Amino acid sequence: AAFFALAFFHTWKLVLDPDGTTYRRFILNEIHYDLSDIPVDVLSLTTTPKLTVTATLVGRSGSNDTVAVDDLILTQNEP
């Protein structure tokens, strides 16, 4: 928890496998997490394909927790 108190903004990056069936890695600032064995949730829809991103903050009793999202970075064809 002390890690997050050092800065107001943090860089998050989620990388998917090129075929879109598994996650590849998650990067939080300079820390890399291997997610290569986690499948991506895929829904069969008849509408135009889209990407949905959700950030959920779970507050603590008696605290006014907040989260600030500065940027969302989306890349494709990343090695």
PDB file of N, CA and C in Angstrom:
ATOM      1  N   ALA A   1       0.819  -1.202   0.000  1.00  0.00           N
ATOM      2  CA  ALA A   1       0.000   0.000   0.000  1.00  0.00           C
ATOM      3  C   ALA A   1       0.856   1.255   0.000  1.00  0.00           C
ATOM      4  N   ALA A   2       2.027   1.217   0.627  1.00  0.00           N
ATOM      5  CA  ALA A   2       2.904   2.386   0.657  1.00  0.00           C
ATOM      6  C   ALA A   2       3.399   2.738  -0.733  1.00  0.00           C
ATOM      7  N   PHE A   3       3.506   1.743  -1.611  1.00  0.00           N
ATOM      8  CA  PHE A   3       3.946   1.986  -2.988  1.00  0.00           C
ATOM      9  C   PHE A   3       3.039   2.995  -3.678  1.00  0.00           C
ATOM     10  N   PHE A   4       1.741   2.853  -3.497  1.00  0.00           N
ATOM     11  CA  PHE A   4       0.791   3.724  -4.168  1.00  0.00           C
ATOM     12  C   PHE A   4       0.758   5.124  -3.567  1.00  0.00           C
ATOM     13  N   ALA A   5       1.229   5.289  -2.347  1.00  0.00           N
ATOM     14  CA  ALA A   5       1.234   6.603  -1.711  1.00  0.00           C
ATOM     15  C   ALA A   5       2.347   7.494  -2.249  1.00  0.00           C
ATOM     16  N   LEU A   6       3.299   6.931  -2.994  1.00  0.00           N
ATOM     17  CA  LEU A   6       4.438   7.707  -3.474  1.00  0.00           C
ATOM     18  C   LEU A   6       4.093   8.648  -4.622  1.00  0.00           C
ATOM     19  N   ALA A   7       3.060   8.343  -5.389  1.00  0.00           N
ATOM     20  CA  ALA A   7       2.710   9.171  -6.544  1.00  0.00           C
ATOM     21  C   ALA A   7       1.200   9.192  -6.716  1.00  0.00           C
ATOM     22  N   PHE A   8       0.707  10.261  -7.331  1.00  0.00           N
ATOM     23  CA  PHE A   8      -0.725  10.390  -7.550  1.00  0.00           C
ATOM     24  C   PHE A   8      -1.175   9.565  -8.749  1.00  0.00           C
ATOM     25  N   PHE A   9      -0.367   9.535  -9.810  1.00  0.00           N
ATOM     26  CA  PHE A   9      -0.709   8.781 -11.013  1.00  0.00           C
ATOM     27  C   PHE A   9       0.242   7.614 -11.195  1.00  0.00           C
ATOM     28  N   HIS A  10      -0.275   6.528 -11.721  1.00  0.00           N
ATOM     29  CA  HIS A  10       0.513   5.334 -12.004  1.00  0.00           C
ATOM     30  C   HIS A  10       0.198   4.873 -13.419  1.00  0.00           C
ATOM     31  N   THR A  11       1.181   4.293 -14.073  1.00  0.00           N
ATOM     32  CA  THR A  11       1.005   3.807 -15.435  1.00  0.00           C
ATOM     33  C   THR A  11       0.615   2.341 -15.402  1.00  0.00           C
ATOM     34  N   TRP A  12      -0.504   2.029 -16.046  1.00  0.00           N
ATOM     35  CA  TRP A  12      -0.972   0.656 -16.185  1.00  0.00           C
ATOM     36  C   TRP A  12      -0.965   0.315 -17.659  1.00  0.00           C
ATOM     37  N   LYS A  13      -0.574  -0.889 -17.984  1.00  0.00           N
ATOM     38  CA  LYS A  13      -0.628  -1.341 -19.374  1.00  0.00           C
ATOM     39  C   LYS A  13      -0.989  -2.815 -19.382  1.00  0.00           C
ATOM     40  N   LEU A  14      -2.010  -3.163 -20.138  1.00  0.00           N
ATOM     41  CA  LEU A  14      -2.444  -4.544 -20.286  1.00  0.00           C
ATOM     42  C   LEU A  14      -2.190  -4.956 -21.726  1.00  0.00           C
ATOM     43  N   VAL A  15      -1.448  -6.044 -21.916  1.00  0.00           N
ATOM     44  CA  VAL A  15      -1.082  -6.513 -23.254  1.00  0.00           C
ATOM     45  C   VAL A  15      -1.758  -7.853 -23.501  1.00  0.00           C
ATOM     46  N   LEU A  16      -2.478  -7.963 -24.640  1.00  0.00           N
ATOM     47  CA  LEU A  16      -3.127  -9.204 -25.031  1.00  0.00           C
ATOM     48  C   LEU A  16      -2.299  -9.925 -26.071  1.00  0.00           C
ATOM     49  N   ASP A  17      -2.468 -11.234 -26.149  1.00  0.00           N
ATOM     50  CA  ASP A  17      -1.833 -12.038 -27.183  1.00  0.00           C
ATOM     51  C   ASP A  17      -2.373 -11.585 -28.540  1.00  0.00           C
ATOM     52  N   PRO A  18      -1.550 -11.616 -29.608  1.00  0.00           N
ATOM     53  CA  PRO A  18      -2.007 -11.132 -30.919  1.00  0.00           C
ATOM     54  C   PRO A  18      -3.287 -11.801 -31.430  1.00  0.00           C
ATOM     55  N   ASP A  19      -3.515 -13.061 -31.079  1.00  0.00           N
ATOM     56  CA  ASP A  19      -4.745 -13.714 -31.541  1.00  0.00           C
ATOM     57  C   ASP A  19      -5.953 -13.350 -30.674  1.00  0.00           C
ATOM     58  N   GLY A  20      -5.725 -12.630 -29.584  1.00  0.00           N
ATOM     59  CA  GLY A  20      -6.809 -12.134 -28.748  1.00  0.00           C
ATOM     60  C   GLY A  20      -7.452 -13.167 -27.844  1.00  0.00           C
ATOM     61  N   THR A  21      -6.809 -14.315 -27.624  1.00  0.00           N
ATOM     62  CA  THR A  21      -7.416 -15.349 -26.790  1.00  0.00           C
ATOM     63  C   THR A  21      -6.864 -15.385 -25.368  1.00  0.00           C
ATOM     64  N   THR A  22      -5.672 -14.827 -25.145  1.00  0.00           N
ATOM     65  CA  THR A  22      -5.093 -14.792 -23.802  1.00  0.00           C
ATOM     66  C   THR A  22      -4.456 -13.433 -23.542  1.00  0.00           C
ATOM     67  N   TYR A  23      -4.356 -13.105 -22.272  1.00  0.00           N
ATOM     68  CA  TYR A  23      -3.593 -11.929 -21.894  1.00  0.00           C
ATOM     69  C   TYR A  23      -2.111 -12.271 -22.006  1.00  0.00           C
ATOM     70  N   ARG A  24      -1.267 -11.288 -22.201  1.00  0.00           N
ATOM     71  CA  ARG A  24       0.170 -11.543 -22.264  1.00  0.00           C
ATOM     72  C   ARG A  24       0.857 -11.060 -20.986  1.00  0.00           C
ATOM     73  N   ARG A  25       0.638  -9.791 -20.632  1.00  0.00           N
ATOM     74  CA  ARG A  25       1.260  -9.261 -19.419  1.00  0.00           C
ATOM     75  C   ARG A  25       0.514  -8.003 -18.966  1.00  0.00           C
ATOM     76  N   PHE A  26       0.720  -7.678 -17.702  1.00  0.00           N
ATOM     77  CA  PHE A  26       0.211  -6.444 -17.121  1.00  0.00           C
ATOM     78  C   PHE A  26       1.407  -5.716 -16.546  1.00  0.00           C
ATOM     79  N   ILE A  27       1.508  -4.424 -16.827  1.00  0.00           N
ATOM     80  CA  ILE A  27       2.623  -3.621 -16.339  1.00  0.00           C
ATOM     81  C   ILE A  27       2.052  -2.519 -15.447  1.00  0.00           C
ATOM     82  N   LEU A  28       2.557  -2.436 -14.236  1.00  0.00           N
ATOM     83  CA  LEU A  28       2.196  -1.375 -13.301  1.00  0.00           C
ATOM     84  C   LEU A  28       3.467  -0.614 -13.003  1.00  0.00           C
ATOM     85  N   ASN A  29       3.554   0.598 -13.551  1.00  0.00           N
ATOM     86  CA  ASN A  29       4.778   1.389 -13.509  1.00  0.00           C
ATOM     87  C   ASN A  29       5.915   0.543 -14.084  1.00  0.00           C
ATOM     88  N   GLU A  30       6.910   0.174 -13.312  1.00  0.00           N
ATOM     89  CA  GLU A  30       8.021  -0.619 -13.850  1.00  0.00           C
ATOM     90  C   GLU A  30       7.920  -2.101 -13.494  1.00  0.00           C
ATOM     91  N   ILE A  31       6.833  -2.520 -12.868  1.00  0.00           N
ATOM     92  CA  ILE A  31       6.667  -3.920 -12.462  1.00  0.00           C
ATOM     93  C   ILE A  31       5.865  -4.669 -13.524  1.00  0.00           C
ATOM     94  N   HIS A  32       6.416  -5.790 -14.024  1.00  0.00           N
ATOM     95  CA  HIS A  32       5.770  -6.601 -15.054  1.00  0.00           C
ATOM     96  C   HIS A  32       5.204  -7.874 -14.423  1.00  0.00           C
ATOM     97  N   TYR A  33       3.949  -8.194 -14.773  1.00  0.00           N
ATOM     98  CA  TYR A  33       3.307  -9.411 -14.289  1.00  0.00           C
ATOM     99  C   TYR A  33       2.963 -10.286 -15.489  1.00  0.00           C
ATOM    100  N   ASP A  34       3.354 -11.559 -15.448  1.00  0.00           N
ATOM    101  CA  ASP A  34       3.060 -12.502 -16.519  1.00  0.00           C
ATOM    102  C   ASP A  34       1.613 -12.972 -16.395  1.00  0.00           C
ATOM    103  N   LEU A  35       0.823 -12.770 -17.454  1.00  0.00           N
ATOM    104  CA  LEU A  35      -0.577 -13.189 -17.465  1.00  0.00           C
ATOM    105  C   LEU A  35      -0.850 -14.167 -18.607  1.00  0.00           C
ATOM    106  N   SER A  36       0.196 -14.780 -19.142  1.00  0.00           N
ATOM    107  CA  SER A  36       0.077 -15.570 -20.369  1.00  0.00           C
ATOM    108  C   SER A  36      -0.823 -16.796 -20.247  1.00  0.00           C
ATOM    109  N   ASP A  37      -1.140 -17.235 -19.043  1.00  0.00           N
ATOM    110  CA  ASP A  37      -2.009 -18.401 -18.899  1.00  0.00           C
ATOM    111  C   ASP A  37      -3.455 -18.031 -18.556  1.00  0.00           C
ATOM    112  N   ILE A  38      -3.797 -16.748 -18.652  1.00  0.00           N
ATOM    113  CA  ILE A  38      -5.148 -16.297 -18.326  1.00  0.00           C
ATOM    114  C   ILE A  38      -5.914 -15.999 -19.617  1.00  0.00           C
ATOM    115  N   PRO A  39      -7.037 -16.696 -19.864  1.00  0.00           N
ATOM    116  CA  PRO A  39      -7.801 -16.462 -21.090  1.00  0.00           C
ATOM    117  C   PRO A  39      -8.577 -15.142 -21.041  1.00  0.00           C
ATOM    118  N   VAL A  40      -8.770 -14.551 -22.208  1.00  0.00           N
ATOM    119  CA  VAL A  40      -9.553 -13.324 -22.353  1.00  0.00           C
ATOM    120  C   VAL A  40     -11.029 -13.700 -22.415  1.00  0.00           C
ATOM    121  N   ASP A  41     -11.886 -12.947 -21.738  1.00  0.00           N
ATOM    122  CA  ASP A  41     -13.329 -13.165 -21.843  1.00  0.00           C
ATOM    123  C   ASP A  41     -13.801 -12.656 -23.191  1.00  0.00           C
ATOM    124  N   VAL A  42     -14.452 -13.514 -23.953  1.00  0.00           N
ATOM    125  CA  VAL A  42     -14.946 -13.144 -25.279  1.00  0.00           C
ATOM    126  C   VAL A  42     -16.443 -13.400 -25.318  1.00  0.00           C
ATOM    127  N   LEU A  43     -17.196 -12.405 -25.767  1.00  0.00           N
ATOM    128  CA  LEU A  43     -18.641 -12.538 -25.904  1.00  0.00           C
ATOM    129  C   LEU A  43     -19.007 -12.582 -27.374  1.00  0.00           C
ATOM    130  N   SER A  44     -19.961 -13.409 -27.729  1.00  0.00           N
ATOM    131  CA  SER A  44     -20.448 -13.454 -29.107  1.00  0.00           C
ATOM    132  C   SER A  44     -21.577 -12.446 -29.242  1.00  0.00           C
ATOM    133  N   LEU A  45     -21.300 -11.382 -29.945  1.00  0.00           N
ATOM    134  CA  LEU A  45     -22.298 -10.338 -30.163  1.00  0.00           C
ATOM    135  C   LEU A  45     -22.535 -10.168 -31.656  1.00  0.00           C
ATOM    136  N   THR A  46     -23.694  -9.707 -32.003  1.00  0.00           N
ATOM    137  CA  THR A  46     -24.001  -9.469 -33.411  1.00  0.00           C
ATOM    138  C   THR A  46     -23.748  -8.023 -33.803  1.00  0.00           C
ATOM    139  N   THR A  47     -23.275  -7.222 -32.868  1.00  0.00           N
ATOM    140  CA  THR A  47     -23.006  -5.813 -33.148  1.00  0.00           C
ATOM    141  C   THR A  47     -21.536  -5.622 -33.519  1.00  0.00           C
ATOM    142  N   THR A  48     -21.165  -4.388 -33.764  1.00  0.00           N
ATOM    143  CA  THR A  48     -19.783  -4.052 -34.097  1.00  0.00           C
ATOM    144  C   THR A  48     -18.858  -4.431 -32.942  1.00  0.00           C
ATOM    145  N   PRO A  49     -17.698  -5.032 -33.239  1.00  0.00           N
ATOM    146  CA  PRO A  49     -16.757  -5.386 -32.165  1.00  0.00           C
ATOM    147  C   PRO A  49     -16.328  -4.153 -31.366  1.00  0.00           C
ATOM    148  N   LYS A  50     -16.128  -4.335 -30.077  1.00  0.00           N
ATOM    149  CA  LYS A  50     -15.691  -3.224 -29.240  1.00  0.00           C
ATOM    150  C   LYS A  50     -14.875  -3.751 -28.075  1.00  0.00           C
ATOM    151  N   LEU A  51     -14.122  -2.867 -27.482  1.00  0.00           N
ATOM    152  CA  LEU A  51     -13.324  -3.165 -26.300  1.00  0.00           C
ATOM    153  C   LEU A  51     -13.914  -2.371 -25.146  1.00  0.00           C
ATOM    154  N   THR A  52     -14.186  -3.038 -24.045  1.00  0.00           N
ATOM    155  CA  THR A  52     -14.728  -2.382 -22.868  1.00  0.00           C
ATOM    156  C   THR A  52     -13.710  -2.461 -21.739  1.00  0.00           C
ATOM    157  N   VAL A  53     -13.425  -1.326 -21.126  1.00  0.00           N
ATOM    158  CA  VAL A  53     -12.490  -1.268 -20.006  1.00  0.00           C
ATOM    159  C   VAL A  53     -13.259  -0.792 -18.781  1.00  0.00           C
ATOM    160  N   THR A  54     -13.107  -1.519 -17.679  1.00  0.00           N
ATOM    161  CA  THR A  54     -13.783  -1.162 -16.439  1.00  0.00           C
ATOM    162  C   THR A  54     -12.765  -1.067 -15.313  1.00  0.00           C
ATOM    163  N   ALA A  55     -12.812   0.021 -14.568  1.00  0.00           N
ATOM    164  CA  ALA A  55     -11.970   0.169 -13.380  1.00  0.00           C
ATOM    165  C   ALA A  55     -12.907   0.249 -12.180  1.00  0.00           C
ATOM    166  N   THR A  56     -12.681  -0.593 -11.197  1.00  0.00           N
ATOM    167  CA  THR A  56     -13.532  -0.633 -10.014  1.00  0.00           C
ATOM    168  C   THR A  56     -12.706  -0.296  -8.781  1.00  0.00           C
ATOM    169  N   LEU A  57     -13.183   0.634  -8.000  1.00  0.00           N
ATOM    170  CA  LEU A  57     -12.530   0.998  -6.746  1.00  0.00           C
ATOM    171  C   LEU A  57     -13.425   0.534  -5.603  1.00  0.00           C
ATOM    172  N   VAL A  58     -12.884  -0.292  -4.738  1.00  0.00           N
ATOM    173  CA  VAL A  58     -13.620  -0.762  -3.576  1.00  0.00           C
ATOM    174  C   VAL A  58     -13.161   0.069  -2.386  1.00  0.00           C
ATOM    175  N   GLY A  59     -14.070   0.853  -1.845  1.00  0.00           N
ATOM    176  CA  GLY A  59     -13.736   1.736  -0.733  1.00  0.00           C
ATOM    177  C   GLY A  59     -13.672   1.000   0.596  1.00  0.00           C
ATOM    178  N   ARG A  60     -13.124   1.677   1.574  1.00  0.00           N
ATOM    179  CA  ARG A  60     -13.021   1.150   2.931  1.00  0.00           C
ATOM    180  C   ARG A  60     -13.956   1.934   3.836  1.00  0.00           C
ATOM    181  N   SER A  61     -14.519   1.276   4.796  1.00  0.00           N
ATOM    182  CA  SER A  61     -15.438   1.917   5.722  1.00  0.00           C
ATOM    183  C   SER A  61     -14.753   3.102   6.408  1.00  0.00           C
ATOM    184  N   GLY A  62     -15.399   4.266   6.356  1.00  0.00           N
ATOM    185  CA  GLY A  62     -14.857   5.453   7.002  1.00  0.00           C
ATOM    186  C   GLY A  62     -13.828   6.208   6.187  1.00  0.00           C
ATOM    187  N   SER A  63     -13.534   5.759   4.969  1.00  0.00           N
ATOM    188  CA  SER A  63     -12.543   6.428   4.118  1.00  0.00           C
ATOM    189  C   SER A  63     -13.197   6.917   2.834  1.00  0.00           C
ATOM    190  N   ASN A  64     -12.689   7.989   2.296  1.00  0.00           N
ATOM    191  CA  ASN A  64     -13.150   8.503   1.015  1.00  0.00           C
ATOM    192  C   ASN A  64     -12.121   8.157  -0.053  1.00  0.00           C
ATOM    193  N   ASP A  65     -12.047   6.884  -0.429  1.00  0.00           N
ATOM    194  CA  ASP A  65     -11.085   6.449  -1.439  1.00  0.00           C
ATOM    195  C   ASP A  65     -11.480   6.987  -2.808  1.00  0.00           C
ATOM    196  N   THR A  66     -10.482   7.375  -3.590  1.00  0.00           N
ATOM    197  CA  THR A  66     -10.721   7.859  -4.950  1.00  0.00           C
ATOM    198  C   THR A  66      -9.694   7.248  -5.889  1.00  0.00           C
ATOM    199  N   VAL A  67     -10.029   7.249  -7.162  1.00  0.00           N
ATOM    200  CA  VAL A  67      -9.087   6.827  -8.195  1.00  0.00           C
ATOM    201  C   VAL A  67      -9.176   7.847  -9.325  1.00  0.00           C
ATOM    202  N   ALA A  68      -8.031   8.246  -9.851  1.00  0.00           N
ATOM    203  CA  ALA A  68      -7.987   9.191 -10.966  1.00  0.00           C
ATOM    204  C   ALA A  68      -7.390   8.473 -12.173  1.00  0.00           C
ATOM    205  N   VAL A  69      -8.121   8.457 -13.282  1.00  0.00           N
ATOM    206  CA  VAL A  69      -7.630   7.844 -14.516  1.00  0.00           C
ATOM    207  C   VAL A  69      -7.188   8.970 -15.430  1.00  0.00           C
ATOM    208  N   ASP A  70      -5.905   8.983 -15.765  1.00  0.00           N
ATOM    209  CA  ASP A  70      -5.350  10.050 -16.586  1.00  0.00           C
ATOM    210  C   ASP A  70      -5.379   9.684 -18.063  1.00  0.00           C
ATOM    211  N   ASP A  71      -4.910   8.499 -18.415  1.00  0.00           N
ATOM    212  CA  ASP A  71      -4.827   8.071 -19.810  1.00  0.00           C
ATOM    213  C   ASP A  71      -5.170   6.597 -19.925  1.00  0.00           C
ATOM    214  N   LEU A  72      -5.724   6.242 -21.052  1.00  0.00           N
ATOM    215  CA  LEU A  72      -5.906   4.847 -21.425  1.00  0.00           C
ATOM    216  C   LEU A  72      -5.117   4.648 -22.705  1.00  0.00           C
ATOM    217  N   ILE A  73      -4.151   3.734 -22.678  1.00  0.00           N
ATOM    218  CA  ILE A  73      -3.272   3.513 -23.826  1.00  0.00           C
ATOM    219  C   ILE A  73      -3.636   2.182 -24.458  1.00  0.00           C
ATOM    220  N   LEU A  74      -3.927   2.196 -25.749  1.00  0.00           N
ATOM    221  CA  LEU A  74      -4.267   0.991 -26.488  1.00  0.00           C
ATOM    222  C   LEU A  74      -3.291   0.847 -27.643  1.00  0.00           C
ATOM    223  N   THR A  75      -2.613  -0.294 -27.709  1.00  0.00           N
ATOM    224  CA  THR A  75      -1.670  -0.552 -28.799  1.00  0.00           C
ATOM    225  C   THR A  75      -2.057  -1.849 -29.487  1.00  0.00           C
ATOM    226  N   GLN A  76      -1.567  -2.039 -30.699  1.00  0.00           N
ATOM    227  CA  GLN A  76      -1.796  -3.308 -31.385  1.00  0.00           C
ATOM    228  C   GLN A  76      -0.510  -3.766 -32.047  1.00  0.00           C
ATOM    229  N   ASN A  77      -0.428  -5.067 -32.308  1.00  0.00           N
ATOM    230  CA  ASN A  77       0.747  -5.686 -32.938  1.00  0.00           C
ATOM    231  C   ASN A  77       2.013  -5.475 -32.125  1.00  0.00           C
ATOM    232  N   GLU A  78       1.881  -5.553 -30.817  1.00  0.00           N
ATOM    233  CA  GLU A  78       3.044  -5.401 -29.939  1.00  0.00           C
ATOM    234  C   GLU A  78       3.686  -6.766 -29.711  1.00  0.00           C
ATOM    235  N   PRO A  79       5.014  -6.861 -29.772  1.00  0.00           N
ATOM    236  CA  PRO A  79       5.667  -8.167 -29.581  1.00  0.00           C
ATOM    237  C   PRO A  79       5.519  -8.690 -28.164  1.00  0.00           C
TER     238      PRO A  79
END
